[in-house]
């Protein structure tokens, strides 16, 4: 199957979602439902097989019953250690595949790392794409302009304090994520650079030319969705907030999903929840050696997962990158 013949020869492409009843899967179904070029052909769920998909006439099916060859495009949103296997099966069946787990992000099976703003040309026309993690998406987009400009002091670590809503932990029931455990609390986890996204961040920073040390500490926010990352960025020389805004604005001038705020403004979750966007803001830090504070926000289920997956699919099929993502 030629990707572009599918895209140009059909008004719509048939889309399958493997793992459609999880939070990211539900978000994918909503995005597919309003995408002008996508038509749902199946959606799988082991826990809800046979039940009607909310808001649709179709029913979930078991992944074992999915006819992978019936879909031109498959999004795979199963848990880590399972998702990659099904993505490779779907790819072998002839579908274009975007995997939302961490299984393929190191290039397993020839998968392309799908962060469009940084590696767009590699994604165009690819047949197997590994969607980035939600935390790494914000970190990499926040740091890339500074790394490429050569202004990061690599003798000191970048300090990344990141906080995510509870949907980032998935939909499977866990005692630590019960309302009574999460409400009115705030806690760190995966400390000491032990979080599963650390290798992904390290690989990608090295690929940008910034093999710099970093300390990554994730936190659980008592909110449903959204990520806020506060990044202390060591610099080789002082960079004022206005100059930082100018540098990042120039770097992302043509990017529809990156918003660089004006000097004096910092982003919040409210501005990005429900949108396929990363918002970036800056502040001086009155310490020596020179340090710049960068704050990044995004919706972990949209730009951090399903929205970015659709953005990747748009690139793969040669459609407008904003198709189905911006009204």
Protein backbone atom coordinates (compact mmCIF):
# COMPACT_ATOMS: atom_id res chain seq x y z
CA UNK A 1 0.00 0.00 0.00
CA UNK A 2 1.32 3.43 -0.95
CA UNK A 3 0.57 5.94 1.79
CA UNK A 4 -0.07 8.81 -0.55
CA UNK A 5 -2.28 6.79 -2.89
CA UNK A 6 -4.44 5.97 0.12
CA UNK A 7 -4.57 9.60 1.21
CA UNK A 8 -5.28 10.99 -2.24
CA UNK A 9 -7.42 8.15 -3.58
CA UNK A 10 -9.92 8.14 -0.71
CA UNK A 11 -11.96 10.88 0.87
CA UNK A 12 -11.38 9.15 4.19
CA UNK A 13 -8.97 6.55 5.52
CA UNK A 14 -10.15 3.68 7.69
CA UNK A 15 -8.82 3.97 11.22
CA UNK A 16 -8.52 1.40 13.98
CA UNK A 17 -7.82 2.14 17.64
CA UNK A 18 -6.29 -0.62 19.73
CA UNK A 19 -6.84 0.13 23.41
CA UNK A 20 -9.70 2.54 22.86
CA UNK A 21 -11.29 2.58 26.32
CA UNK A 22 -8.34 4.09 28.18
CA UNK A 23 -8.03 7.83 28.65
CA UNK A 24 -5.82 8.35 25.60
CA UNK A 25 -7.96 5.94 23.58
CA UNK A 26 -11.12 7.86 24.46
CA UNK A 27 -9.43 11.08 23.41
CA UNK A 28 -8.41 9.44 20.12
CA UNK A 29 -12.01 8.39 19.42
CA UNK A 30 -13.18 11.97 20.00
CA UNK A 31 -10.54 13.35 17.64
CA UNK A 32 -11.25 10.74 14.95
CA UNK A 33 -14.94 11.55 15.21
CA UNK A 34 -14.36 15.15 14.16
CA UNK A 35 -11.49 14.56 11.73
CA UNK A 36 -12.66 15.16 8.13
CA UNK A 37 -10.41 12.45 6.68
CA UNK A 38 -10.73 9.65 9.23
CA UNK A 39 -13.42 6.96 9.51
CA UNK A 40 -13.44 4.56 12.46
CA UNK A 41 -13.42 0.89 11.40
CA UNK A 42 -12.80 -0.72 14.78
CA UNK A 43 -11.98 0.11 18.39
CA UNK A 44 -10.76 -2.52 20.83
CA UNK A 45 -11.16 -2.92 24.57
CA UNK A 46 -10.64 -6.08 26.55
CA UNK A 47 -12.57 -4.83 29.58
CA UNK A 48 -15.51 -3.40 27.59
CA UNK A 49 -15.69 -5.69 24.53
CA UNK A 50 -19.28 -5.87 23.30
CA UNK A 51 -20.31 -2.63 24.96
CA UNK A 52 -21.35 0.41 22.96
CA UNK A 53 -18.72 3.09 22.50
CA UNK A 54 -19.99 6.21 24.30
CA UNK A 55 -21.44 8.69 21.85
CA UNK A 56 -21.19 6.31 18.89
CA UNK A 57 -23.21 3.50 17.32
CA UNK A 58 -20.26 1.08 17.16
CA UNK A 59 -19.27 -1.35 19.89
CA UNK A 60 -15.86 -2.20 21.30
CA UNK A 61 -14.38 -5.49 20.16
CA UNK A 62 -11.60 -7.66 21.58
CA UNK A 63 -8.19 -7.00 20.05
CA UNK A 64 -8.12 -10.67 19.03
CA UNK A 65 -11.16 -10.03 16.83
CA UNK A 66 -9.73 -6.93 15.16
CA UNK A 67 -9.09 -7.35 11.44
CA UNK A 68 -5.91 -5.32 11.30
CA UNK A 69 -5.76 -5.41 7.52
CA UNK A 70 -9.08 -3.55 7.28
CA UNK A 71 -7.52 -0.35 8.58
CA UNK A 72 -5.29 2.04 6.63
CA UNK A 73 -4.18 3.66 9.90
CA UNK A 74 -4.01 2.19 13.40
CA UNK A 75 -3.40 3.99 16.66
CA UNK A 76 -2.17 1.63 19.37
CA UNK A 77 -2.79 2.82 22.92
CA UNK A 78 -2.25 -0.27 25.04
CA UNK A 79 -0.09 -0.34 28.18
CA UNK A 80 3.69 -0.38 27.91
CA UNK A 81 5.15 -3.85 27.27
CA UNK A 82 2.02 -4.84 25.34
CA UNK A 83 1.38 -1.99 22.92
CA UNK A 84 4.57 -2.34 20.91
CA UNK A 85 3.87 -5.97 20.05
CA UNK A 86 0.44 -5.12 18.66
CA UNK A 87 1.84 -2.13 16.78
CA UNK A 88 4.35 -4.37 15.04
CA UNK A 89 1.57 -6.84 14.18
CA UNK A 90 -0.54 -4.03 12.75
CA UNK A 91 2.41 -2.77 10.73
CA UNK A 92 3.01 -6.26 9.34
CA UNK A 93 -0.66 -6.37 8.34
CA UNK A 94 -0.11 -3.35 6.11
CA UNK A 95 -1.41 -0.49 8.23
CA UNK A 96 0.32 2.76 9.00
CA UNK A 97 0.78 2.71 12.79
CA UNK A 98 1.22 5.33 15.50
CA UNK A 99 2.07 3.73 18.85
CA UNK A 100 1.35 5.78 21.98
CA UNK A 101 3.33 3.65 24.45
CA UNK A 102 7.04 3.82 25.27
CA UNK A 103 7.74 0.43 23.67
CA UNK A 104 9.06 1.67 20.32
CA UNK A 105 10.55 5.05 21.22
CA UNK A 106 14.14 3.81 21.04
CA UNK A 107 13.61 2.87 17.39
CA UNK A 108 12.40 -0.71 17.83
CA UNK A 109 11.10 -2.13 14.56
CA UNK A 110 12.39 0.91 12.67
CA UNK A 111 9.89 3.20 14.39
CA UNK A 112 10.40 6.93 13.87
CA UNK A 113 10.25 9.14 16.97
CA UNK A 114 7.23 11.34 16.41
CA UNK A 115 7.85 14.82 17.80
CA UNK A 116 6.82 16.89 14.76
CA UNK A 117 8.22 20.27 15.77
CA UNK A 118 11.73 18.82 16.03
CA UNK A 119 11.84 15.92 13.55
CA UNK A 120 9.03 16.59 11.09
CA UNK A 121 10.85 15.47 7.95
CA UNK A 122 11.47 11.98 9.33
CA UNK A 123 7.77 11.54 10.15
CA UNK A 124 6.47 12.46 6.69
CA UNK A 125 5.73 9.25 4.84
CA UNK A 126 6.80 6.98 7.72
CA UNK A 127 4.87 3.76 8.26
CA UNK A 128 5.58 3.24 11.98
CA UNK A 129 5.79 6.15 14.41
CA UNK A 130 6.44 6.11 18.15
CA UNK A 131 4.50 8.92 19.80
CA UNK A 132 6.62 10.74 22.43
CA UNK A 133 5.84 10.60 26.13
CA UNK A 134 3.84 13.44 27.64
CA UNK A 135 6.59 14.66 29.99
CA UNK A 136 9.34 14.50 27.31
CA UNK A 137 7.20 16.46 24.85
CA UNK A 138 7.17 19.49 27.13
CA UNK A 139 10.79 19.14 28.21
CA UNK A 140 12.19 18.77 24.69
CA UNK A 141 10.17 21.60 23.19
CA UNK A 142 11.15 23.84 26.08
CA UNK A 143 14.88 23.09 25.78
CA UNK A 144 15.45 22.62 22.04
CA UNK A 145 15.94 26.30 21.07
CA UNK A 146 18.52 26.84 23.83
CA UNK A 147 20.41 23.66 22.97
CA UNK A 148 20.49 24.47 19.26
CA UNK A 149 21.65 28.00 20.05
CA UNK A 150 24.54 26.61 22.12
CA UNK A 151 23.72 28.66 25.22
CA UNK A 152 23.28 25.82 27.75
CA UNK A 153 25.98 25.45 30.40
CA UNK A 154 26.51 21.68 30.32
CA UNK A 155 28.75 21.76 33.41
CA UNK A 156 25.60 22.16 35.52
CA UNK A 157 22.45 20.01 35.46
CA UNK A 158 19.15 21.16 34.04
CA UNK A 159 16.62 20.83 36.87
CA UNK A 160 13.16 19.73 35.72
CA UNK A 161 10.28 19.70 38.20
CA UNK A 162 7.24 18.30 36.40
CA UNK A 163 3.68 17.77 37.60
CA UNK A 164 0.89 15.83 35.89
CA UNK A 165 -2.80 15.20 36.45
CA UNK A 166 -3.90 11.71 37.46
CA UNK A 167 -5.00 10.64 33.95
CA UNK A 168 -1.30 10.41 33.12
CA UNK A 169 -1.20 7.20 35.16
CA UNK A 170 -3.80 5.48 32.97
CA UNK A 171 -7.32 4.23 33.63
CA UNK A 172 -6.57 0.94 35.38
CA UNK A 173 -7.72 1.08 39.02
CA UNK A 174 -4.91 1.83 41.46
CA UNK A 175 -5.30 2.54 45.17
CA UNK A 176 -2.81 5.42 45.06
CA UNK A 177 -5.03 7.18 42.50
CA UNK A 178 -8.32 6.98 44.38
CA UNK A 179 -9.93 10.36 44.99
CA UNK A 180 -9.42 10.00 48.72
CA UNK A 181 -5.71 9.41 48.20
CA UNK A 182 -5.09 12.17 45.66
CA UNK A 183 -7.36 15.02 46.76
CA UNK A 184 -5.71 17.74 48.86
CA UNK A 185 -2.31 16.11 48.36
CA UNK A 186 0.74 16.70 46.19
CA UNK A 187 3.63 14.28 45.98
CA UNK A 188 6.75 13.42 44.04
CA UNK A 189 7.32 9.98 42.55
CA UNK A 190 9.95 8.26 40.41
CA UNK A 191 12.55 10.45 42.13
CA UNK A 192 16.30 10.19 41.61
CA UNK A 193 15.99 10.05 37.79
CA UNK A 194 14.17 6.71 38.04
CA UNK A 195 11.07 7.64 36.07
CA UNK A 196 10.54 5.63 32.87
CA UNK A 197 10.71 8.77 30.72
CA UNK A 198 14.29 9.58 31.77
CA UNK A 199 15.99 7.43 29.08
CA UNK A 200 13.72 8.95 26.42
CA UNK A 201 14.61 12.48 27.52
CA UNK A 202 18.32 11.64 27.61
CA UNK A 203 18.30 10.08 24.12
CA UNK A 204 16.44 13.01 22.63
CA UNK A 205 18.59 15.68 24.27
CA UNK A 206 21.69 13.93 22.94
CA UNK A 207 20.11 13.84 19.50
CA UNK A 208 19.58 17.60 19.69
CA UNK A 209 23.28 17.97 20.45
CA UNK A 210 22.69 18.65 24.12
CA UNK A 211 24.03 15.68 26.04
CA UNK A 212 23.66 17.72 29.21
CA UNK A 213 23.05 16.36 32.71
CA UNK A 214 19.56 16.80 34.09
CA UNK A 215 17.52 16.02 37.19
CA UNK A 216 13.94 15.04 36.42
CA UNK A 217 11.41 14.89 39.25
CA UNK A 218 7.76 14.16 38.40
CA UNK A 219 4.89 14.98 40.74
CA UNK A 220 1.25 13.95 40.93
CA UNK A 221 -1.18 16.86 40.75
CA UNK A 222 -4.65 16.47 42.29
CA UNK A 223 -6.29 17.41 38.98
CA UNK A 224 -7.69 15.27 36.17
CA UNK A 225 -5.46 16.35 33.29
CA UNK A 226 -2.63 18.68 32.37
CA UNK A 227 1.13 18.95 32.84
CA UNK A 228 3.19 21.86 34.15
CA UNK A 229 6.98 21.65 33.98
CA UNK A 230 9.22 24.14 35.74
CA UNK A 231 12.72 23.98 34.25
CA UNK A 232 15.79 25.65 35.70
CA UNK A 233 18.07 26.05 32.71
CA UNK A 234 21.77 26.82 33.34
CA UNK A 235 23.19 29.27 30.80
CA UNK A 236 26.70 30.11 29.62
CA UNK A 237 25.88 33.82 29.96
CA UNK A 238 22.98 35.96 31.12
CA UNK A 239 19.89 35.97 28.87
CA UNK A 240 17.13 38.43 29.66
CA UNK A 241 13.50 37.37 29.53
CA UNK A 242 12.85 39.56 26.51
CA UNK A 243 15.75 37.99 24.64
CA UNK A 244 14.54 34.51 25.64
CA UNK A 245 11.07 35.28 24.29
CA UNK A 246 12.70 36.46 21.06
CA UNK A 247 14.85 33.34 20.71
CA UNK A 248 12.01 30.89 21.33
CA UNK A 249 9.56 32.89 19.20
CA UNK A 250 11.94 32.81 16.26
CA UNK A 251 12.58 29.08 16.71
CA UNK A 252 8.85 28.28 16.71
CA UNK A 253 7.55 31.04 14.45
CA UNK A 254 5.89 28.62 12.03
CA UNK A 255 4.60 26.14 14.61
CA UNK A 256 0.81 26.20 15.06
CA UNK A 257 0.87 24.18 18.28
CA UNK A 258 3.53 26.07 20.25
CA UNK A 259 2.67 29.28 22.05
CA UNK A 260 5.48 31.48 23.34
CA UNK A 261 4.08 33.92 25.90
CA UNK A 262 5.13 37.52 26.20
CA UNK A 263 7.71 38.64 28.75
CA UNK A 264 6.19 38.71 32.21
CA UNK A 265 3.65 35.97 31.47
CA UNK A 266 3.81 32.36 32.64
CA UNK A 267 1.51 29.61 31.34
CA UNK A 268 -1.06 27.71 33.39
CA UNK A 269 -2.99 24.49 32.85
CA UNK A 270 -6.21 26.34 32.12
CA UNK A 271 -4.78 27.70 28.88
CA UNK A 272 -3.88 24.33 27.37
CA UNK A 273 -6.32 21.70 28.69
CA UNK A 274 -8.34 20.26 25.81
CA UNK A 275 -5.98 21.67 23.19
CA UNK A 276 -3.11 20.28 21.13
CA UNK A 277 -0.70 22.93 22.35
CA UNK A 278 2.42 23.56 24.39
CA UNK A 279 2.66 26.97 26.06
CA UNK A 280 6.05 28.35 27.10
CA UNK A 281 6.92 31.21 29.45
CA UNK A 282 10.13 32.57 30.97
CA UNK A 283 11.48 34.29 34.07
CA UNK A 284 14.83 35.57 35.28
CA UNK A 285 16.38 33.81 38.26
CA UNK A 286 18.51 36.11 40.40
CA UNK A 287 21.34 33.70 41.07
CA UNK A 288 24.83 33.18 39.77
CA UNK A 289 25.92 31.44 37.59
CA UNK A 290 23.19 32.62 35.17
CA UNK A 291 20.00 30.57 35.07
CA UNK A 292 16.78 30.95 33.10
CA UNK A 293 13.43 29.66 34.34
CA UNK A 294 11.33 28.04 31.59
CA UNK A 295 7.75 26.95 32.30
CA UNK A 296 5.99 24.59 29.88
CA UNK A 297 2.36 23.48 30.02
CA UNK A 298 0.40 20.98 27.92
CA UNK A 299 -2.55 18.62 28.12
CA UNK A 300 -1.15 15.14 28.78
CA UNK A 301 -4.03 13.54 26.85
CA UNK A 302 -3.88 15.80 23.79
CA UNK A 303 -0.46 17.21 22.86
CA UNK A 304 0.99 14.66 25.26
CA UNK A 305 -0.79 11.71 23.64
CA UNK A 306 -3.82 11.54 21.31
CA UNK A 307 -3.58 14.98 19.72
CA UNK A 308 0.08 14.50 18.92
CA UNK A 309 -0.73 11.07 17.48
CA UNK A 310 -3.26 12.66 15.11
CA UNK A 311 -0.74 15.38 14.28
CA UNK A 312 1.73 12.64 13.34
CA UNK A 313 -0.89 10.88 11.22
CA UNK A 314 -1.61 14.12 9.38
CA UNK A 315 2.08 14.42 8.55
CA UNK A 316 2.37 10.78 7.48
CA UNK A 317 -0.50 11.05 5.00
CA UNK A 318 0.52 14.46 3.68
CA UNK A 319 -2.50 16.31 5.06
CA UNK A 320 -2.46 19.72 6.70
CA UNK A 321 -0.81 19.24 10.06
CA UNK A 322 -3.66 21.03 11.81
CA UNK A 323 -6.37 18.85 10.18
CA UNK A 324 -8.91 17.84 12.80
CA UNK A 325 -6.98 19.61 15.54
CA UNK A 326 -7.81 23.26 14.94
CA UNK A 327 -11.35 24.29 14.01
